[in-house]
Full PDB file with SEQRES, HELIX, SHEET, SSBOND, CRYST1, ORIGX, SCALE, CONECT and MASTER records, all heavy atoms in Angstrom:
SEQRES   1 A   40  LYS GLN ARG GLU SER VAL ALA ARG ILE THR TYR GLY SER          
SEQRES   2 A   40  SER PRO ASN TYR ALA ASP SER VAL LYS GLY ARG PHE THR          
SEQRES   3 A   40  ILE SER ARG ASP ASN ALA LYS ASN THR VAL TYR LEU GLN          
SEQRES   4 A   40  MET                                                          
HELIX    1 AA1 ASN A   31  LYS A   33  5                                   3    
SHEET    1 AA1 2 ALA A   7  ARG A   8  0                                        
SHEET    2 AA1 2 ASN A  16  TYR A  17 -1                                        
SHEET    1 AA2 2 THR A  26  ASP A  30  0                                        
SHEET    2 AA2 2 THR A  35  GLN A  39 -1                                        
CRYST1    1.000    1.000    1.000  90.00  90.00  90.00 P 1           1          
ORIGX1      1.000000  0.000000  0.000000        0.00000                         
ORIGX2      0.000000  1.000000  0.000000        0.00000                         
ORIGX3      0.000000  0.000000  1.000000        0.00000                         
SCALE1      1.000000  0.000000  0.000000        0.00000                         
SCALE2      0.000000  1.000000  0.000000        0.00000                         
SCALE3      0.000000  0.000000  1.000000        0.00000                         
ATOM      1  N   LYS A   1      22.490  23.378  14.968  1.00  0.00           N  
ATOM      2  CA  LYS A   1      22.679  21.941  15.162  1.00  0.00           C  
ATOM      3  C   LYS A   1      22.016  21.149  14.044  1.00  0.00           C  
ATOM      4  O   LYS A   1      21.143  21.655  13.339  1.00  0.00           O  
ATOM      5  CB  LYS A   1      22.124  21.512  16.519  1.00  0.00           C  
ATOM      6  CG  LYS A   1      22.856  22.102  17.698  1.00  0.00           C  
ATOM      7  CD  LYS A   1      22.377  21.482  19.001  1.00  0.00           C  
ATOM      8  CE  LYS A   1      23.167  22.010  20.190  1.00  0.00           C  
ATOM      9  NZ  LYS A   1      22.728  21.383  21.462  1.00  0.00           N  
ATOM     10  N   GLN A   2      22.435  19.890  13.930  1.00  0.00           N  
ATOM     11  CA  GLN A   2      21.823  19.017  12.929  1.00  0.00           C  
ATOM     12  C   GLN A   2      20.455  18.538  13.411  1.00  0.00           C  
ATOM     13  O   GLN A   2      20.189  18.462  14.612  1.00  0.00           O  
ATOM     14  CB  GLN A   2      22.734  17.810  12.672  1.00  0.00           C  
ATOM     15  CG  GLN A   2      23.993  18.146  11.902  1.00  0.00           C  
ATOM     16  CD  GLN A   2      24.729  16.904  11.440  1.00  0.00           C  
ATOM     17  OE1 GLN A   2      24.626  15.843  12.053  1.00  0.00           O  
ATOM     18  NE2 GLN A   2      25.465  17.023  10.346  1.00  0.00           N  
ATOM     19  N   ARG A   3      19.623  18.191  12.450  1.00  0.00           N  
ATOM     20  CA  ARG A   3      18.317  17.625  12.783  1.00  0.00           C  
ATOM     21  C   ARG A   3      18.537  16.260  13.431  1.00  0.00           C  
ATOM     22  O   ARG A   3      19.352  15.461  12.959  1.00  0.00           O  
ATOM     23  CB  ARG A   3      17.465  17.501  11.523  1.00  0.00           C  
ATOM     24  CG  ARG A   3      16.010  17.183  11.786  1.00  0.00           C  
ATOM     25  CD  ARG A   3      15.191  17.252  10.513  1.00  0.00           C  
ATOM     26  NE  ARG A   3      15.170  18.597   9.954  1.00  0.00           N  
ATOM     27  CZ  ARG A   3      14.393  18.960   8.943  1.00  0.00           C  
ATOM     28  NH1 ARG A   3      13.551  18.071   8.394  1.00  0.00           N  
ATOM     29  NH2 ARG A   3      14.427  20.190   8.468  1.00  0.00           N  
ATOM     30  N   GLU A   4      17.803  15.990  14.515  1.00  0.00           N  
ATOM     31  CA  GLU A   4      17.973  14.736  15.226  1.00  0.00           C  
ATOM     32  C   GLU A   4      16.630  14.053  15.450  1.00  0.00           C  
ATOM     33  O   GLU A   4      15.589  14.702  15.575  1.00  0.00           O  
ATOM     34  CB  GLU A   4      18.655  14.965  16.583  1.00  0.00           C  
ATOM     35  CG  GLU A   4      17.870  15.837  17.545  1.00  0.00           C  
ATOM     36  CD  GLU A   4      18.531  15.952  18.909  1.00  0.00           C  
ATOM     37  OE1 GLU A   4      19.587  15.343  19.133  1.00  0.00           O  
ATOM     38  OE2 GLU A   4      17.962  16.664  19.763  1.00  0.00           O  
ATOM     39  N   SER A   5      16.692  12.740  15.518  1.00  0.00           N  
ATOM     40  CA  SER A   5      15.490  11.957  15.766  1.00  0.00           C  
ATOM     41  C   SER A   5      15.075  12.081  17.228  1.00  0.00           C  
ATOM     42  O   SER A   5      15.921  12.038  18.122  1.00  0.00           O  
ATOM     43  CB  SER A   5      15.750  10.489  15.420  1.00  0.00           C  
ATOM     44  OG  SER A   5      14.640   9.701  15.754  1.00  0.00           O  
ATOM     45  N   VAL A   6      13.798  12.227  17.460  1.00  0.00           N  
ATOM     46  CA  VAL A   6      13.266  12.323  18.810  1.00  0.00           C  
ATOM     47  C   VAL A   6      12.479  11.071  19.179  1.00  0.00           C  
ATOM     48  O   VAL A   6      12.688  10.481  20.234  1.00  0.00           O  
ATOM     49  CB  VAL A   6      12.350  13.559  18.941  1.00  0.00           C  
ATOM     50  CG1 VAL A   6      11.676  13.595  20.311  1.00  0.00           C  
ATOM     51  CG2 VAL A   6      13.126  14.841  18.698  1.00  0.00           C  
ATOM     52  N   ALA A   7      11.564  10.671  18.312  1.00  0.00           N  
ATOM     53  CA  ALA A   7      10.716   9.511  18.594  1.00  0.00           C  
ATOM     54  C   ALA A   7      10.202   8.937  17.275  1.00  0.00           C  
ATOM     55  O   ALA A   7      10.027   9.677  16.302  1.00  0.00           O  
ATOM     56  CB  ALA A   7       9.542   9.903  19.484  1.00  0.00           C  
ATOM     57  N   ARG A   8       9.963   7.630  17.292  1.00  0.00           N  
ATOM     58  CA  ARG A   8       9.497   6.952  16.074  1.00  0.00           C  
ATOM     59  C   ARG A   8       8.511   5.869  16.458  1.00  0.00           C  
ATOM     60  O   ARG A   8       8.712   5.159  17.460  1.00  0.00           O  
ATOM     61  CB  ARG A   8      10.690   6.354  15.329  1.00  0.00           C  
ATOM     62  CG  ARG A   8      10.374   5.713  13.987  1.00  0.00           C  
ATOM     63  CD  ARG A   8      11.675   5.344  13.287  1.00  0.00           C  
ATOM     64  NE  ARG A   8      11.466   4.735  11.973  1.00  0.00           N  
ATOM     65  CZ  ARG A   8      11.415   3.431  11.772  1.00  0.00           C  
ATOM     66  NH1 ARG A   8      11.540   2.602  12.784  1.00  0.00           N  
ATOM     67  NH2 ARG A   8      11.247   2.955  10.538  1.00  0.00           N  
ATOM     68  N   ILE A   9       7.460   5.755  15.648  1.00  0.00           N  
ATOM     69  CA  ILE A   9       6.451   4.744  15.928  1.00  0.00           C  
ATOM     70  C   ILE A   9       6.136   3.994  14.645  1.00  0.00           C  
ATOM     71  O   ILE A   9       5.951   4.599  13.582  1.00  0.00           O  
ATOM     72  CB  ILE A   9       5.181   5.382  16.547  1.00  0.00           C  
ATOM     73  CG1 ILE A   9       4.189   4.319  16.998  1.00  0.00           C  
ATOM     74  CG2 ILE A   9       4.509   6.367  15.582  1.00  0.00           C  
ATOM     75  CD1 ILE A   9       3.076   4.865  17.877  1.00  0.00           C  
ATOM     76  N   THR A  10       6.115   2.673  14.719  1.00  0.00           N  
ATOM     77  CA  THR A  10       5.768   1.844  13.580  1.00  0.00           C  
ATOM     78  C   THR A  10       4.550   1.006  13.926  1.00  0.00           C  
ATOM     79  O   THR A  10       4.231   0.811  15.097  1.00  0.00           O  
ATOM     80  CB  THR A  10       6.924   0.912  13.183  1.00  0.00           C  
ATOM     81  OG1 THR A  10       7.231   0.074  14.311  1.00  0.00           O  
ATOM     82  CG2 THR A  10       8.157   1.708  12.807  1.00  0.00           C  
ATOM     83  N   TYR A  11       3.905   0.501  12.897  1.00  0.00           N  
ATOM     84  CA  TYR A  11       2.706  -0.300  13.138  1.00  0.00           C  
ATOM     85  C   TYR A  11       3.101  -1.633  13.750  1.00  0.00           C  
ATOM     86  O   TYR A  11       3.930  -2.359  13.220  1.00  0.00           O  
ATOM     87  CB  TYR A  11       1.948  -0.534  11.834  1.00  0.00           C  
ATOM     88  CG  TYR A  11       0.690  -1.354  12.035  1.00  0.00           C  
ATOM     89  CD1 TYR A  11      -0.446  -0.777  12.608  1.00  0.00           C  
ATOM     90  CD2 TYR A  11       0.642  -2.701  11.680  1.00  0.00           C  
ATOM     91  CE1 TYR A  11      -1.596  -1.521  12.812  1.00  0.00           C  
ATOM     92  CE2 TYR A  11      -0.506  -3.440  11.880  1.00  0.00           C  
ATOM     93  CZ  TYR A  11      -1.617  -2.852  12.442  1.00  0.00           C  
ATOM     94  OH  TYR A  11      -2.751  -3.591  12.628  1.00  0.00           O  
ATOM     95  N   GLY A  12       2.545  -1.948  14.916  1.00  0.00           N  
ATOM     96  CA  GLY A  12       2.757  -3.250  15.528  1.00  0.00           C  
ATOM     97  C   GLY A  12       3.995  -3.364  16.380  1.00  0.00           C  
ATOM     98  O   GLY A  12       4.278  -4.448  16.902  1.00  0.00           O  
ATOM     99  N   SER A  13       4.747  -2.275  16.523  1.00  0.00           N  
ATOM    100  CA  SER A  13       5.959  -2.328  17.353  1.00  0.00           C  
ATOM    101  C   SER A  13       5.926  -1.230  18.404  1.00  0.00           C  
ATOM    102  O   SER A  13       5.204  -0.248  18.267  1.00  0.00           O  
ATOM    103  CB  SER A  13       7.201  -2.161  16.489  1.00  0.00           C  
ATOM    104  OG  SER A  13       7.302  -3.192  15.544  1.00  0.00           O  
ATOM    105  N   SER A  14       6.730  -1.424  19.421  1.00  0.00           N  
ATOM    106  CA  SER A  14       6.827  -0.406  20.460  1.00  0.00           C  
ATOM    107  C   SER A  14       7.556   0.810  19.921  1.00  0.00           C  
ATOM    108  O   SER A  14       8.486   0.689  19.123  1.00  0.00           O  
ATOM    109  CB  SER A  14       7.572  -0.961  21.669  1.00  0.00           C  
ATOM    110  OG  SER A  14       6.881  -2.055  22.215  1.00  0.00           O  
ATOM    111  N   PRO A  15       7.169   1.990  20.358  1.00  0.00           N  
ATOM    112  CA  PRO A  15       7.878   3.203  19.917  1.00  0.00           C  
ATOM    113  C   PRO A  15       9.304   3.208  20.436  1.00  0.00           C  
ATOM    114  O   PRO A  15       9.629   2.529  21.413  1.00  0.00           O  
ATOM    115  CB  PRO A  15       7.070   4.331  20.556  1.00  0.00           C  
ATOM    116  CG  PRO A  15       5.786   3.738  20.981  1.00  0.00           C  
ATOM    117  CD  PRO A  15       6.038   2.308  21.239  1.00  0.00           C  
ATOM    118  N   ASN A  16      10.159   3.956  19.769  1.00  0.00           N  
ATOM    119  CA  ASN A  16      11.493   4.165  20.327  1.00  0.00           C  
ATOM    120  C   ASN A  16      11.789   5.655  20.417  1.00  0.00           C  
ATOM    121  O   ASN A  16      11.228   6.459  19.663  1.00  0.00           O  
ATOM    122  CB  ASN A  16      12.565   3.411  19.545  1.00  0.00           C  
ATOM    123  CG  ASN A  16      12.514   3.684  18.067  1.00  0.00           C  
ATOM    124  OD1 ASN A  16      12.694   4.796  17.623  1.00  0.00           O  
ATOM    125  ND2 ASN A  16      12.268   2.645  17.295  1.00  0.00           N  
ATOM    126  N   TYR A  17      12.660   5.989  21.344  1.00  0.00           N  
ATOM    127  CA  TYR A  17      12.924   7.382  21.708  1.00  0.00           C  
ATOM    128  C   TYR A  17      14.419   7.660  21.800  1.00  0.00           C  
ATOM    129  O   TYR A  17      15.208   6.766  22.126  1.00  0.00           O  
ATOM    130  CB  TYR A  17      12.297   7.699  23.070  1.00  0.00           C  
ATOM    131  CG  TYR A  17      10.802   7.529  23.122  1.00  0.00           C  
ATOM    132  CD1 TYR A  17      10.231   6.314  23.517  1.00  0.00           C  
ATOM    133  CD2 TYR A  17       9.953   8.565  22.761  1.00  0.00           C  
ATOM    134  CE1 TYR A  17       8.859   6.142  23.545  1.00  0.00           C  
ATOM    135  CE2 TYR A  17       8.576   8.408  22.792  1.00  0.00           C  
ATOM    136  CZ  TYR A  17       8.039   7.198  23.181  1.00  0.00           C  
ATOM    137  OH  TYR A  17       6.670   7.031  23.214  1.00  0.00           O  
ATOM    138  N   ALA A  18      14.752   8.913  21.564  1.00  0.00           N  
ATOM    139  CA  ALA A  18      16.114   9.354  21.849  1.00  0.00           C  
ATOM    140  C   ALA A  18      16.337   9.298  23.358  1.00  0.00           C  
ATOM    141  O   ALA A  18      15.409   9.530  24.144  1.00  0.00           O  
ATOM    142  CB  ALA A  18      16.319  10.778  21.339  1.00  0.00           C  
ATOM    143  N   ASP A  19      17.564   8.985  23.757  1.00  0.00           N  
ATOM    144  CA  ASP A  19      17.867   8.889  25.191  1.00  0.00           C  
ATOM    145  C   ASP A  19      17.521  10.185  25.922  1.00  0.00           C  
ATOM    146  O   ASP A  19      17.088  10.166  27.072  1.00  0.00           O  
ATOM    147  CB  ASP A  19      19.345   8.559  25.389  1.00  0.00           C  
ATOM    148  CG  ASP A  19      19.671   7.125  25.008  1.00  0.00           C  
ATOM    149  OD1 ASP A  19      18.734   6.304  24.909  1.00  0.00           O  
ATOM    150  OD2 ASP A  19      20.859   6.832  24.821  1.00  0.00           O  
ATOM    151  N   SER A  20      17.699  11.300  25.251  1.00  0.00           N  
ATOM    152  CA  SER A  20      17.500  12.597  25.901  1.00  0.00           C  
ATOM    153  C   SER A  20      16.041  12.885  26.251  1.00  0.00           C  
ATOM    154  O   SER A  20      15.764  13.779  27.052  1.00  0.00           O  
ATOM    155  CB  SER A  20      18.036  13.716  25.007  1.00  0.00           C  
ATOM    156  OG  SER A  20      17.374  13.706  23.754  1.00  0.00           O  
ATOM    157  N   VAL A  21      15.102  12.129  25.651  1.00  0.00           N  
ATOM    158  CA  VAL A  21      13.675  12.400  25.909  1.00  0.00           C  
ATOM    159  C   VAL A  21      12.951  11.224  26.544  1.00  0.00           C  
ATOM    160  O   VAL A  21      11.769  11.340  26.881  1.00  0.00           O  
ATOM    161  CB  VAL A  21      12.939  12.821  24.615  1.00  0.00           C  
ATOM    162  CG1 VAL A  21      13.668  13.972  23.937  1.00  0.00           C  
ATOM    163  CG2 VAL A  21      12.766  11.655  23.667  1.00  0.00           C  
ATOM    164  N   LYS A  22      13.630  10.101  26.738  1.00  0.00           N  
ATOM    165  CA  LYS A  22      12.992   8.929  27.334  1.00  0.00           C  
ATOM    166  C   LYS A  22      12.419   9.260  28.702  1.00  0.00           C  
ATOM    167  O   LYS A  22      13.078   9.890  29.525  1.00  0.00           O  
ATOM    168  CB  LYS A  22      14.001   7.785  27.456  1.00  0.00           C  
ATOM    169  CG  LYS A  22      14.220   7.025  26.178  1.00  0.00           C  
ATOM    170  CD  LYS A  22      15.219   5.891  26.384  1.00  0.00           C  
ATOM    171  CE  LYS A  22      15.479   5.161  25.080  1.00  0.00           C  
ATOM    172  NZ  LYS A  22      16.517   4.114  25.233  1.00  0.00           N  
ATOM    173  N   GLY A  23      11.190   8.815  28.914  1.00  0.00           N  
ATOM    174  CA  GLY A  23      10.531   9.071  30.186  1.00  0.00           C  
ATOM    175  C   GLY A  23       9.847  10.420  30.264  1.00  0.00           C  
ATOM    176  O   GLY A  23       9.091  10.676  31.210  1.00  0.00           O  
ATOM    177  N   ARG A  24      10.081  11.280  29.274  1.00  0.00           N  
ATOM    178  CA  ARG A  24       9.456  12.609  29.275  1.00  0.00           C  
ATOM    179  C   ARG A  24       8.514  12.795  28.082  1.00  0.00           C  
ATOM    180  O   ARG A  24       7.496  13.483  28.199  1.00  0.00           O  
ATOM    181  CB  ARG A  24      10.535  13.694  29.239  1.00  0.00           C  
ATOM    182  CG  ARG A  24      11.476  13.673  30.411  1.00  0.00           C  
ATOM    183  CD  ARG A  24      12.382  14.906  30.419  1.00  0.00           C  
ATOM    184  NE  ARG A  24      13.232  14.995  29.243  1.00  0.00           N  
ATOM    185  CZ  ARG A  24      13.250  16.023  28.414  1.00  0.00           C  
ATOM    186  NH1 ARG A  24      12.471  17.068  28.616  1.00  0.00           N  
ATOM    187  NH2 ARG A  24      14.071  16.024  27.366  1.00  0.00           N  
ATOM    188  N   PHE A  25       8.866  12.220  26.943  1.00  0.00           N  
ATOM    189  CA  PHE A  25       8.074  12.379  25.713  1.00  0.00           C  
ATOM    190  C   PHE A  25       7.376  11.066  25.385  1.00  0.00           C  
ATOM    191  O   PHE A  25       7.907   9.981  25.633  1.00  0.00           O  
ATOM    192  CB  PHE A  25       8.969  12.754  24.536  1.00  0.00           C  
ATOM    193  CG  PHE A  25       9.559  14.139  24.585  1.00  0.00           C  
ATOM    194  CD1 PHE A  25       9.497  14.930  25.724  1.00  0.00           C  
ATOM    195  CD2 PHE A  25      10.189  14.664  23.461  1.00  0.00           C  
ATOM    196  CE1 PHE A  25      10.042  16.195  25.754  1.00  0.00           C  
ATOM    197  CE2 PHE A  25      10.741  15.935  23.468  1.00  0.00           C  
ATOM    198  CZ  PHE A  25      10.662  16.697  24.623  1.00  0.00           C  
ATOM    199  N   THR A  26       6.191  11.189  24.790  1.00  0.00           N  
ATOM    200  CA  THR A  26       5.438  10.017  24.354  1.00  0.00           C  
ATOM    201  C   THR A  26       4.887  10.268  22.958  1.00  0.00           C  
ATOM    202  O   THR A  26       4.191  11.265  22.730  1.00  0.00           O  
ATOM    203  CB  THR A  26       4.273   9.707  25.306  1.00  0.00           C  
ATOM    204  OG1 THR A  26       4.779   9.507  26.627  1.00  0.00           O  
ATOM    205  CG2 THR A  26       3.537   8.449  24.862  1.00  0.00           C  
ATOM    206  N   ILE A  27       5.179   9.351  22.038  1.00  0.00           N  
ATOM    207  CA  ILE A  27       4.631   9.428  20.685  1.00  0.00           C  
ATOM    208  C   ILE A  27       3.443   8.487  20.591  1.00  0.00           C  
ATOM    209  O   ILE A  27       3.461   7.390  21.168  1.00  0.00           O  
ATOM    210  CB  ILE A  27       5.704   9.075  19.628  1.00  0.00           C  
ATOM    211  CG1 ILE A  27       5.173   9.339  18.215  1.00  0.00           C  
ATOM    212  CG2 ILE A  27       6.196   7.647  19.779  1.00  0.00           C  
ATOM    213  CD1 ILE A  27       6.256   9.212  17.121  1.00  0.00           C  
ATOM    214  N   SER A  28       2.416   8.920  19.896  1.00  0.00           N  
ATOM    215  CA  SER A  28       1.239   8.073  19.715  1.00  0.00           C  
ATOM    216  C   SER A  28       0.605   8.408  18.367  1.00  0.00           C  
ATOM    217  O   SER A  28       0.900   9.439  17.764  1.00  0.00           O  
ATOM    218  CB  SER A  28       0.229   8.280  20.837  1.00  0.00           C  
ATOM    219  OG  SER A  28      -0.234   9.624  20.860  1.00  0.00           O  
ATOM    220  N   ARG A  29      -0.240   7.491  17.900  1.00  0.00           N  
ATOM    221  CA  ARG A  29      -0.908   7.713  16.627  1.00  0.00           C  
ATOM    222  C   ARG A  29      -2.387   7.412  16.763  1.00  0.00           C  
ATOM    223  O   ARG A  29      -2.773   6.476  17.461  1.00  0.00           O  
ATOM    224  CB  ARG A  29      -0.271   6.880  15.517  1.00  0.00           C  
ATOM    225  CG  ARG A  29      -0.287   5.380  15.755  1.00  0.00           C  
ATOM    226  CD  ARG A  29       0.664   4.641  14.831  1.00  0.00           C  
ATOM    227  NE  ARG A  29       0.274   4.708  13.437  1.00  0.00           N  
ATOM    228  CZ  ARG A  29       1.045   4.324  12.430  1.00  0.00           C  
ATOM    229  NH1 ARG A  29       2.259   3.863  12.662  1.00  0.00           N  
ATOM    230  NH2 ARG A  29       0.619   4.402  11.191  1.00  0.00           N  
ATOM    231  N   ASP A  30      -3.198   8.209  16.105  1.00  0.00           N  
ATOM    232  CA  ASP A  30      -4.645   7.993  16.053  1.00  0.00           C  
ATOM    233  C   ASP A  30      -4.999   7.775  14.586  1.00  0.00           C  
ATOM    234  O   ASP A  30      -5.140   8.730  13.827  1.00  0.00           O  
ATOM    235  CB  ASP A  30      -5.386   9.200  16.632  1.00  0.00           C  
ATOM    236  CG  ASP A  30      -6.885   8.975  16.737  1.00  0.00           C  
ATOM    237  OD1 ASP A  30      -7.428   8.157  15.953  1.00  0.00           O  
ATOM    238  OD2 ASP A  30      -7.514   9.613  17.582  1.00  0.00           O  
ATOM    239  N   ASN A  31      -5.134   6.519  14.206  1.00  0.00           N  
ATOM    240  CA  ASN A  31      -5.376   6.196  12.800  1.00  0.00           C  
ATOM    241  C   ASN A  31      -6.708   6.774  12.316  1.00  0.00           C  
ATOM    242  O   ASN A  31      -6.831   7.162  11.154  1.00  0.00           O  
ATOM    243  CB  ASN A  31      -5.341   4.692  12.590  1.00  0.00           C  
ATOM    244  CG  ASN A  31      -3.954   4.113  12.770  1.00  0.00           C  
ATOM    245  OD1 ASN A  31      -2.948   4.826  12.631  1.00  0.00           O  
ATOM    246  ND2 ASN A  31      -3.878   2.837  13.104  1.00  0.00           N  
ATOM    247  N   ALA A  32      -7.693   6.839  13.207  1.00  0.00           N  
ATOM    248  CA  ALA A  32      -9.007   7.353  12.808  1.00  0.00           C  
ATOM    249  C   ALA A  32      -8.937   8.831  12.435  1.00  0.00           C  
ATOM    250  O   ALA A  32      -9.716   9.307  11.594  1.00  0.00           O  
ATOM    251  CB  ALA A  32     -10.008   7.130  13.921  1.00  0.00           C  
ATOM    252  N   LYS A  33      -8.001   9.549  13.056  1.00  0.00           N  
ATOM    253  CA  LYS A  33      -7.850  10.984  12.782  1.00  0.00           C  
ATOM    254  C   LYS A  33      -6.674  11.285  11.872  1.00  0.00           C  
ATOM    255  O   LYS A  33      -6.379  12.452  11.601  1.00  0.00           O  
ATOM    256  CB  LYS A  33      -7.697  11.750  14.096  1.00  0.00           C  
ATOM    257  CG  LYS A  33      -8.919  11.685  14.995  1.00  0.00           C  
ATOM    258  CD  LYS A  33      -8.727  12.526  16.249  1.00  0.00           C  
ATOM    259  CE  LYS A  33      -9.971  12.506  17.115  1.00  0.00           C  
ATOM    260  NZ  LYS A  33      -9.797  13.320  18.366  1.00  0.00           N  
ATOM    261  N   ASN A  34      -5.980  10.245  11.413  1.00  0.00           N  
ATOM    262  CA  ASN A  34      -4.801  10.427  10.554  1.00  0.00           C  
ATOM    263  C   ASN A  34      -3.801  11.385  11.194  1.00  0.00           C  
ATOM    264  O   ASN A  34      -3.213  12.244  10.519  1.00  0.00           O  
ATOM    265  CB  ASN A  34      -5.212  10.944   9.170  1.00  0.00           C  
ATOM    266  CG  ASN A  34      -6.095   9.967   8.428  1.00  0.00           C  
ATOM    267  OD1 ASN A  34      -5.987   8.761   8.630  1.00  0.00           O  
ATOM    268  ND2 ASN A  34      -6.977  10.476   7.598  1.00  0.00           N  
ATOM    269  N   THR A  35      -3.583  11.224  12.480  1.00  0.00           N  
ATOM    270  CA  THR A  35      -2.761  12.164  13.237  1.00  0.00           C  
ATOM    271  C   THR A  35      -1.794  11.417  14.145  1.00  0.00           C  
ATOM    272  O   THR A  35      -2.149  10.397  14.734  1.00  0.00           O  
ATOM    273  CB  THR A  35      -3.652  13.102  14.075  1.00  0.00           C  
ATOM    274  OG1 THR A  35      -4.529  13.828  13.201  1.00  0.00           O  
ATOM    275  CG2 THR A  35      -2.807  14.095  14.859  1.00  0.00           C  
ATOM    276  N   VAL A  36      -0.601  11.961  14.230  1.00  0.00           N  
ATOM    277  CA  VAL A  36       0.410  11.481  15.164  1.00  0.00           C  
ATOM    278  C   VAL A  36       0.681  12.593  16.168  1.00  0.00           C  
ATOM    279  O   VAL A  36       0.726  13.777  15.791  1.00  0.00           O  
ATOM    280  CB  VAL A  36       1.703  11.088  14.430  1.00  0.00           C  
ATOM    281  CG1 VAL A  36       2.793  10.692  15.410  1.00  0.00           C  
ATOM    282  CG2 VAL A  36       1.425   9.948  13.466  1.00  0.00           C  
ATOM    283  N   TYR A  37       0.876  12.200  17.417  1.00  0.00           N  
ATOM    284  CA  TYR A  37       1.075  13.169  18.483  1.00  0.00           C  
ATOM    285  C   TYR A  37       2.438  12.983  19.136  1.00  0.00           C  
ATOM    286  O   TYR A  37       3.015  11.894  19.114  1.00  0.00           O  
ATOM    287  CB  TYR A  37      -0.004  13.018  19.558  1.00  0.00           C  
ATOM    288  CG  TYR A  37      -1.411  13.175  19.048  1.00  0.00           C  
ATOM    289  CD1 TYR A  37      -2.187  12.061  18.752  1.00  0.00           C  
ATOM    290  CD2 TYR A  37      -1.963  14.434  18.853  1.00  0.00           C  
ATOM    291  CE1 TYR A  37      -3.482  12.199  18.275  1.00  0.00           C  
ATOM    292  CE2 TYR A  37      -3.258  14.582  18.377  1.00  0.00           C  
ATOM    293  CZ  TYR A  37      -4.009  13.462  18.092  1.00  0.00           C  
ATOM    294  OH  TYR A  37      -5.292  13.596  17.619  1.00  0.00           O  
ATOM    295  N   LEU A  38       2.923  14.060  19.738  1.00  0.00           N  
ATOM    296  CA  LEU A  38       4.103  13.982  20.585  1.00  0.00           C  
ATOM    297  C   LEU A  38       3.772  14.738  21.867  1.00  0.00           C  
ATOM    298  O   LEU A  38       3.688  15.971  21.859  1.00  0.00           O  
ATOM    299  CB  LEU A  38       5.337  14.584  19.916  1.00  0.00           C  
ATOM    300  CG  LEU A  38       6.628  14.433  20.712  1.00  0.00           C  
ATOM    301  CD1 LEU A  38       7.048  12.951  20.777  1.00  0.00           C  
ATOM    302  CD2 LEU A  38       7.759  15.258  20.106  1.00  0.00           C  
ATOM    303  N   GLN A  39       3.531  13.983  22.928  1.00  0.00           N  
ATOM    304  CA  GLN A  39       3.293  14.581  24.228  1.00  0.00           C  
ATOM    305  C   GLN A  39       4.630  14.824  24.889  1.00  0.00           C  
ATOM    306  O   GLN A  39       5.409  13.887  25.071  1.00  0.00           O  
ATOM    307  CB  GLN A  39       2.430  13.661  25.095  1.00  0.00           C  
ATOM    308  CG  GLN A  39       2.181  14.176  26.494  1.00  0.00           C  
ATOM    309  CD  GLN A  39       1.330  15.437  26.525  1.00  0.00           C  
ATOM    310  OE1 GLN A  39       0.332  15.521  25.817  1.00  0.00           O  
ATOM    311  NE2 GLN A  39       1.731  16.406  27.331  1.00  0.00           N  
ATOM    312  N   MET A  40       4.894  16.071  25.258  1.00  0.00           N  
ATOM    313  CA  MET A  40       6.186  16.442  25.827  1.00  0.00           C  
ATOM    314  C   MET A  40       5.961  16.987  27.227  1.00  0.00           C  
ATOM    315  O   MET A  40       5.278  18.005  27.402  1.00  0.00           O  
ATOM    316  CB  MET A  40       6.865  17.494  24.946  1.00  0.00           C  
ATOM    317  CG  MET A  40       7.001  17.075  23.488  1.00  0.00           C  
ATOM    318  SD  MET A  40       7.963  18.243  22.503  1.00  0.00           S  
ATOM    319  CE  MET A  40       6.908  19.687  22.580  1.00  0.00           C  
TER     320      MET A  40                                                      
MASTER        0    0    0    1    4    0    0    6  319    1    0    4          
END                                                                             
C-alpha cells in the first residue's frame, strides 16, 4: 500500500487525524525533550 498520513500536529493548532484512527490515536509533542509521540 501507499504511505498514508495518520496524524499531524502544528504549533498553536489542534492536531488532525486520519478518519481511520480518530478517537483511538493521539499525537503529542514534548518540546523540552525534542520528541513527538503517537499514543495508539
